[in-house]
Amino acid sequence: MADETSAQPFMRALARVLRDSDHQSVDEEGNINWSTFARDLPTIHYETLRKIRVGERALDMAAIEEIAKAAGVPPEHFAEYRMMQARQLFDPKEVGFDQALANLRRWFSEQGPGEEKARRRRPA
Protein backbone atom coordinates (compact mmCIF):
# COMPACT_ATOMS: atom_id res chain seq x y z
CA MET A 1 0.00 0.00 0.00
CA ALA A 2 2.84 2.43 0.80
CA ASP A 3 3.93 2.65 -2.86
CA GLU A 4 0.40 3.19 -4.18
CA THR A 5 -1.41 6.49 -4.34
CA SER A 6 -5.13 6.97 -4.12
CA ALA A 7 -7.37 8.65 -6.65
CA GLN A 8 -10.29 8.65 -4.21
CA PRO A 9 -11.54 11.51 -2.02
CA PHE A 10 -9.63 11.78 1.26
CA MET A 11 -12.06 10.10 3.65
CA ARG A 12 -12.77 7.23 1.28
CA ALA A 13 -9.04 6.72 0.74
CA LEU A 14 -8.35 6.89 4.48
CA ALA A 15 -11.07 4.34 5.25
CA ARG A 16 -9.62 2.00 2.64
CA VAL A 17 -6.11 2.35 4.10
CA LEU A 18 -7.37 1.61 7.60
CA ARG A 19 -9.38 -1.41 6.48
CA ASP A 20 -6.59 -2.78 4.28
CA SER A 21 -4.02 -2.47 7.07
CA ASP A 22 -6.29 -4.02 9.70
CA HIS A 23 -5.82 -0.93 11.86
CA GLN A 24 -6.82 -1.21 15.52
CA SER A 25 -9.71 1.19 14.89
CA VAL A 26 -11.38 -1.27 12.49
CA ASP A 27 -13.62 -3.99 13.89
CA GLU A 28 -14.12 -7.48 12.43
CA GLU A 29 -16.98 -6.29 10.22
CA GLY A 30 -14.83 -3.50 8.74
CA ASN A 31 -16.48 -0.66 10.66
CA ILE A 32 -14.15 2.14 11.69
CA ASN A 33 -14.27 3.59 15.18
CA TRP A 34 -13.13 7.14 14.46
CA SER A 35 -12.78 7.92 18.15
CA THR A 36 -10.25 5.12 18.46
CA PHE A 37 -8.39 6.34 15.38
CA ALA A 38 -8.33 9.92 16.75
CA ARG A 39 -6.37 8.67 19.77
CA ASP A 40 -3.39 8.17 17.42
CA LEU A 41 -3.48 11.84 16.40
CA PRO A 42 -1.30 13.99 18.68
CA THR A 43 -2.79 17.39 17.77
CA ILE A 44 -6.11 16.54 16.13
CA HIS A 45 -8.96 15.81 18.50
CA TYR A 46 -11.91 13.58 17.68
CA GLU A 47 -14.24 16.56 17.10
CA THR A 48 -11.82 18.08 14.60
CA LEU A 49 -11.55 14.74 12.80
CA ARG A 50 -15.35 14.48 12.78
CA LYS A 51 -15.60 17.92 11.18
CA ILE A 52 -13.03 16.95 8.56
CA ARG A 53 -14.98 13.76 7.86
CA VAL A 54 -18.27 15.58 7.25
CA GLY A 55 -16.75 18.53 5.39
CA GLU A 56 -17.26 21.14 8.09
CA ARG A 57 -13.52 21.73 8.34
CA ALA A 58 -11.09 22.06 5.47
CA LEU A 59 -8.14 19.75 5.18
CA ASP A 60 -4.69 21.28 5.23
CA MET A 61 -1.29 19.74 4.64
CA ALA A 62 -0.46 19.47 8.33
CA ALA A 63 -3.69 17.58 9.08
CA ILE A 64 -3.13 15.19 6.19
CA GLU A 65 0.45 14.60 7.32
CA GLU A 66 -0.64 13.76 10.87
CA ILE A 67 -3.51 11.54 9.75
CA ALA A 68 -1.32 9.77 7.19
CA LYS A 69 1.32 9.03 9.81
CA ALA A 70 -1.30 7.52 12.12
CA ALA A 71 -2.65 5.46 9.22
CA GLY A 72 0.82 4.24 8.24
CA VAL A 73 1.04 5.75 4.77
CA PRO A 74 2.95 8.70 3.34
CA PRO A 75 0.85 11.87 3.00
CA GLU A 76 1.40 11.72 -0.78
CA HIS A 77 -0.88 8.67 -0.78
CA PHE A 78 -3.81 11.10 -0.65
CA ALA A 79 -4.86 12.96 -3.80
CA GLU A 80 -5.67 16.14 -1.87
CA TYR A 81 -2.12 16.31 -0.52
CA ARG A 82 -0.65 15.91 -3.99
CA MET A 83 -2.99 18.65 -5.25
CA MET A 84 -1.87 20.95 -2.44
CA GLN A 85 1.74 20.30 -3.36
CA ALA A 86 0.96 21.13 -6.99
CA ARG A 87 -0.76 24.38 -5.99
CA GLN A 88 2.34 25.41 -4.09
CA LEU A 89 4.39 25.15 -7.28
CA PHE A 90 2.31 28.00 -8.75
CA ASP A 91 2.09 30.13 -5.60
CA PRO A 92 4.50 33.10 -5.62
CA LYS A 93 4.32 33.25 -1.82
CA GLU A 94 5.61 29.69 -1.62
CA VAL A 95 8.24 29.53 -4.38
CA GLY A 96 8.75 33.16 -5.41
CA PHE A 97 7.27 34.96 -8.39
CA ASP A 98 9.95 33.99 -10.91
CA GLN A 99 9.79 30.29 -10.02
CA ALA A 100 5.96 30.27 -9.97
CA LEU A 101 5.91 31.87 -13.43
CA ALA A 102 8.51 29.41 -14.73
CA ASN A 103 6.43 26.52 -13.35
CA LEU A 104 3.31 27.91 -15.02
CA ARG A 105 5.06 28.33 -18.37
CA ARG A 106 6.45 24.79 -18.17
CA TRP A 107 3.03 23.40 -17.28
CA PHE A 108 1.37 25.14 -20.24
CA SER A 109 4.16 24.07 -22.60
CA GLU A 110 3.58 20.43 -21.60
CA GLN A 111 -0.12 20.67 -22.44
CA GLY A 112 -1.47 19.93 -25.90
CA PRO A 113 -2.84 22.83 -28.02
CA GLY A 114 -6.53 22.17 -27.34
CA GLU A 115 -6.19 21.26 -23.69
CA GLU A 116 -5.83 24.83 -22.39
CA LYS A 117 -9.31 25.82 -23.61
CA ALA A 118 -10.80 22.56 -22.36
CA ARG A 119 -9.38 23.17 -18.88
CA ARG A 120 -10.99 26.61 -18.73
CA ARG A 121 -14.45 25.19 -19.31
CA ARG A 122 -16.23 23.87 -16.28
CA PRO A 123 -18.68 20.98 -16.53
CA ALA A 124 -22.33 22.01 -16.43
C-alpha atoms as a PDB file:
ATOM      1  CA  MET A   1       0.000   0.000   0.000  1.00  0.00           C
ATOM      2  CA  ALA A   2       2.839   2.432   0.796  1.00  0.00           C
ATOM      3  CA  ASP A   3       3.930   2.648  -2.859  1.00  0.00           C
ATOM      4  CA  GLU A   4       0.399   3.191  -4.176  1.00  0.00           C
ATOM      5  CA  THR A   5      -1.414   6.488  -4.342  1.00  0.00           C
ATOM      6  CA  SER A   6      -5.131   6.973  -4.119  1.00  0.00           C
ATOM      7  CA  ALA A   7      -7.374   8.646  -6.652  1.00  0.00           C
ATOM      8  CA  GLN A   8     -10.288   8.653  -4.213  1.00  0.00           C
ATOM      9  CA  PRO A   9     -11.538  11.507  -2.022  1.00  0.00           C
ATOM     10  CA  PHE A  10      -9.629  11.783   1.255  1.00  0.00           C
ATOM     11  CA  MET A  11     -12.056  10.099   3.650  1.00  0.00           C
ATOM     12  CA  ARG A  12     -12.771   7.228   1.280  1.00  0.00           C
ATOM     13  CA  ALA A  13      -9.042   6.716   0.738  1.00  0.00           C
ATOM     14  CA  LEU A  14      -8.352   6.891   4.477  1.00  0.00           C
ATOM     15  CA  ALA A  15     -11.067   4.344   5.246  1.00  0.00           C
ATOM     16  CA  ARG A  16      -9.616   1.998   2.644  1.00  0.00           C
ATOM     17  CA  VAL A  17      -6.106   2.347   4.102  1.00  0.00           C
ATOM     18  CA  LEU A  18      -7.372   1.608   7.604  1.00  0.00           C
ATOM     19  CA  ARG A  19      -9.375  -1.413   6.482  1.00  0.00           C
ATOM     20  CA  ASP A  20      -6.587  -2.784   4.277  1.00  0.00           C
ATOM     21  CA  SER A  21      -4.019  -2.466   7.072  1.00  0.00           C
ATOM     22  CA  ASP A  22      -6.293  -4.020   9.699  1.00  0.00           C
ATOM     23  CA  HIS A  23      -5.818  -0.925  11.857  1.00  0.00           C
ATOM     24  CA  GLN A  24      -6.817  -1.211  15.521  1.00  0.00           C
ATOM     25  CA  SER A  25      -9.706   1.194  14.892  1.00  0.00           C
ATOM     26  CA  VAL A  26     -11.382  -1.274  12.490  1.00  0.00           C
ATOM     27  CA  ASP A  27     -13.621  -3.994  13.885  1.00  0.00           C
ATOM     28  CA  GLU A  28     -14.116  -7.479  12.427  1.00  0.00           C
ATOM     29  CA  GLU A  29     -16.983  -6.288  10.216  1.00  0.00           C
ATOM     30  CA  GLY A  30     -14.834  -3.497   8.742  1.00  0.00           C
ATOM     31  CA  ASN A  31     -16.485  -0.659  10.665  1.00  0.00           C
ATOM     32  CA  ILE A  32     -14.149   2.137  11.691  1.00  0.00           C
ATOM     33  CA  ASN A  33     -14.266   3.588  15.179  1.00  0.00           C
ATOM     34  CA  TRP A  34     -13.126   7.142  14.457  1.00  0.00           C
ATOM     35  CA  SER A  35     -12.783   7.921  18.148  1.00  0.00           C
ATOM     36  CA  THR A  36     -10.247   5.120  18.464  1.00  0.00           C
ATOM     37  CA  PHE A  37      -8.395   6.344  15.382  1.00  0.00           C
ATOM     38  CA  ALA A  38      -8.326   9.916  16.745  1.00  0.00           C
ATOM     39  CA  ARG A  39      -6.365   8.666  19.773  1.00  0.00           C
ATOM     40  CA  ASP A  40      -3.393   8.168  17.418  1.00  0.00           C
ATOM     41  CA  LEU A  41      -3.477  11.839  16.404  1.00  0.00           C
ATOM     42  CA  PRO A  42      -1.302  13.988  18.681  1.00  0.00           C
ATOM     43  CA  THR A  43      -2.791  17.391  17.766  1.00  0.00           C
ATOM     44  CA  ILE A  44      -6.109  16.536  16.128  1.00  0.00           C
ATOM     45  CA  HIS A  45      -8.962  15.813  18.500  1.00  0.00           C
ATOM     46  CA  TYR A  46     -11.911  13.579  17.676  1.00  0.00           C
ATOM     47  CA  GLU A  47     -14.237  16.556  17.103  1.00  0.00           C
ATOM     48  CA  THR A  48     -11.815  18.082  14.595  1.00  0.00           C
ATOM     49  CA  LEU A  49     -11.553  14.738  12.803  1.00  0.00           C
ATOM     50  CA  ARG A  50     -15.350  14.480  12.776  1.00  0.00           C
ATOM     51  CA  LYS A  51     -15.600  17.923  11.176  1.00  0.00           C
ATOM     52  CA  ILE A  52     -13.027  16.953   8.556  1.00  0.00           C
ATOM     53  CA  ARG A  53     -14.985  13.759   7.858  1.00  0.00           C
ATOM     54  CA  VAL A  54     -18.272  15.582   7.252  1.00  0.00           C
ATOM     55  CA  GLY A  55     -16.753  18.528   5.385  1.00  0.00           C
ATOM     56  CA  GLU A  56     -17.265  21.138   8.095  1.00  0.00           C
ATOM     57  CA  ARG A  57     -13.523  21.732   8.342  1.00  0.00           C
ATOM     58  CA  ALA A  58     -11.090  22.056   5.466  1.00  0.00           C
ATOM     59  CA  LEU A  59      -8.136  19.754   5.180  1.00  0.00           C
ATOM     60  CA  ASP A  60      -4.692  21.280   5.227  1.00  0.00           C
ATOM     61  CA  MET A  61      -1.293  19.740   4.637  1.00  0.00           C
ATOM     62  CA  ALA A  62      -0.456  19.470   8.335  1.00  0.00           C
ATOM     63  CA  ALA A  63      -3.685  17.585   9.079  1.00  0.00           C
ATOM     64  CA  ILE A  64      -3.131  15.191   6.193  1.00  0.00           C
ATOM     65  CA  GLU A  65       0.453  14.595   7.323  1.00  0.00           C
ATOM     66  CA  GLU A  66      -0.638  13.761  10.869  1.00  0.00           C
ATOM     67  CA  ILE A  67      -3.510  11.539   9.751  1.00  0.00           C
ATOM     68  CA  ALA A  68      -1.323   9.770   7.185  1.00  0.00           C
ATOM     69  CA  LYS A  69       1.316   9.032   9.815  1.00  0.00           C
ATOM     70  CA  ALA A  70      -1.304   7.524  12.123  1.00  0.00           C
ATOM     71  CA  ALA A  71      -2.647   5.461   9.220  1.00  0.00           C
ATOM     72  CA  GLY A  72       0.817   4.236   8.242  1.00  0.00           C
ATOM     73  CA  VAL A  73       1.039   5.753   4.774  1.00  0.00           C
ATOM     74  CA  PRO A  74       2.953   8.698   3.342  1.00  0.00           C
ATOM     75  CA  PRO A  75       0.849  11.867   2.998  1.00  0.00           C
ATOM     76  CA  GLU A  76       1.398  11.719  -0.777  1.00  0.00           C
ATOM     77  CA  HIS A  77      -0.884   8.675  -0.779  1.00  0.00           C
ATOM     78  CA  PHE A  78      -3.812  11.099  -0.654  1.00  0.00           C
ATOM     79  CA  ALA A  79      -4.862  12.957  -3.804  1.00  0.00           C
ATOM     80  CA  GLU A  80      -5.673  16.137  -1.874  1.00  0.00           C
ATOM     81  CA  TYR A  81      -2.121  16.308  -0.518  1.00  0.00           C
ATOM     82  CA  ARG A  82      -0.648  15.911  -3.990  1.00  0.00           C
ATOM     83  CA  MET A  83      -2.987  18.650  -5.254  1.00  0.00           C
ATOM     84  CA  MET A  84      -1.872  20.954  -2.441  1.00  0.00           C
ATOM     85  CA  GLN A  85       1.744  20.297  -3.357  1.00  0.00           C
ATOM     86  CA  ALA A  86       0.960  21.128  -6.993  1.00  0.00           C
ATOM     87  CA  ARG A  87      -0.761  24.382  -5.993  1.00  0.00           C
ATOM     88  CA  GLN A  88       2.340  25.405  -4.090  1.00  0.00           C
ATOM     89  CA  LEU A  89       4.393  25.154  -7.279  1.00  0.00           C
ATOM     90  CA  PHE A  90       2.313  27.999  -8.750  1.00  0.00           C
ATOM     91  CA  ASP A  91       2.087  30.131  -5.598  1.00  0.00           C
ATOM     92  CA  PRO A  92       4.504  33.100  -5.622  1.00  0.00           C
ATOM     93  CA  LYS A  93       4.322  33.248  -1.820  1.00  0.00           C
ATOM     94  CA  GLU A  94       5.611  29.693  -1.622  1.00  0.00           C
ATOM     95  CA  VAL A  95       8.239  29.533  -4.383  1.00  0.00           C
ATOM     96  CA  GLY A  96       8.749  33.163  -5.405  1.00  0.00           C
ATOM     97  CA  PHE A  97       7.268  34.965  -8.391  1.00  0.00           C
ATOM     98  CA  ASP A  98       9.953  33.989 -10.909  1.00  0.00           C
ATOM     99  CA  GLN A  99       9.785  30.292 -10.020  1.00  0.00           C
ATOM    100  CA  ALA A 100       5.958  30.270  -9.969  1.00  0.00           C
ATOM    101  CA  LEU A 101       5.906  31.870 -13.432  1.00  0.00           C
ATOM    102  CA  ALA A 102       8.508  29.410 -14.730  1.00  0.00           C
ATOM    103  CA  ASN A 103       6.432  26.524 -13.345  1.00  0.00           C
ATOM    104  CA  LEU A 104       3.313  27.913 -15.017  1.00  0.00           C
ATOM    105  CA  ARG A 105       5.059  28.327 -18.372  1.00  0.00           C
ATOM    106  CA  ARG A 106       6.450  24.795 -18.173  1.00  0.00           C
ATOM    107  CA  TRP A 107       3.030  23.401 -17.277  1.00  0.00           C
ATOM    108  CA  PHE A 108       1.365  25.139 -20.237  1.00  0.00           C
ATOM    109  CA  SER A 109       4.157  24.067 -22.601  1.00  0.00           C
ATOM    110  CA  GLU A 110       3.584  20.434 -21.597  1.00  0.00           C
ATOM    111  CA  GLN A 111      -0.125  20.665 -22.438  1.00  0.00           C
ATOM    112  CA  GLY A 112      -1.472  19.934 -25.901  1.00  0.00           C
ATOM    113  CA  PRO A 113      -2.837  22.827 -28.019  1.00  0.00           C
ATOM    114  CA  GLY A 114      -6.531  22.167 -27.340  1.00  0.00           C
ATOM    115  CA  GLU A 115      -6.192  21.260 -23.692  1.00  0.00           C
ATOM    116  CA  GLU A 116      -5.834  24.830 -22.389  1.00  0.00           C
ATOM    117  CA  LYS A 117      -9.309  25.815 -23.606  1.00  0.00           C
ATOM    118  CA  ALA A 118     -10.802  22.556 -22.357  1.00  0.00           C
ATOM    119  CA  ARG A 119      -9.375  23.174 -18.877  1.00  0.00           C
ATOM    120  CA  ARG A 120     -10.990  26.605 -18.730  1.00  0.00           C
ATOM    121  CA  ARG A 121     -14.448  25.188 -19.308  1.00  0.00           C
ATOM    122  CA  ARG A 122     -16.235  23.865 -16.279  1.00  0.00           C
ATOM    123  CA  PRO A 123     -18.683  20.976 -16.530  1.00  0.00           C
ATOM    124  CA  ALA A 124     -22.326  22.011 -16.434  1.00  0.00           C
END
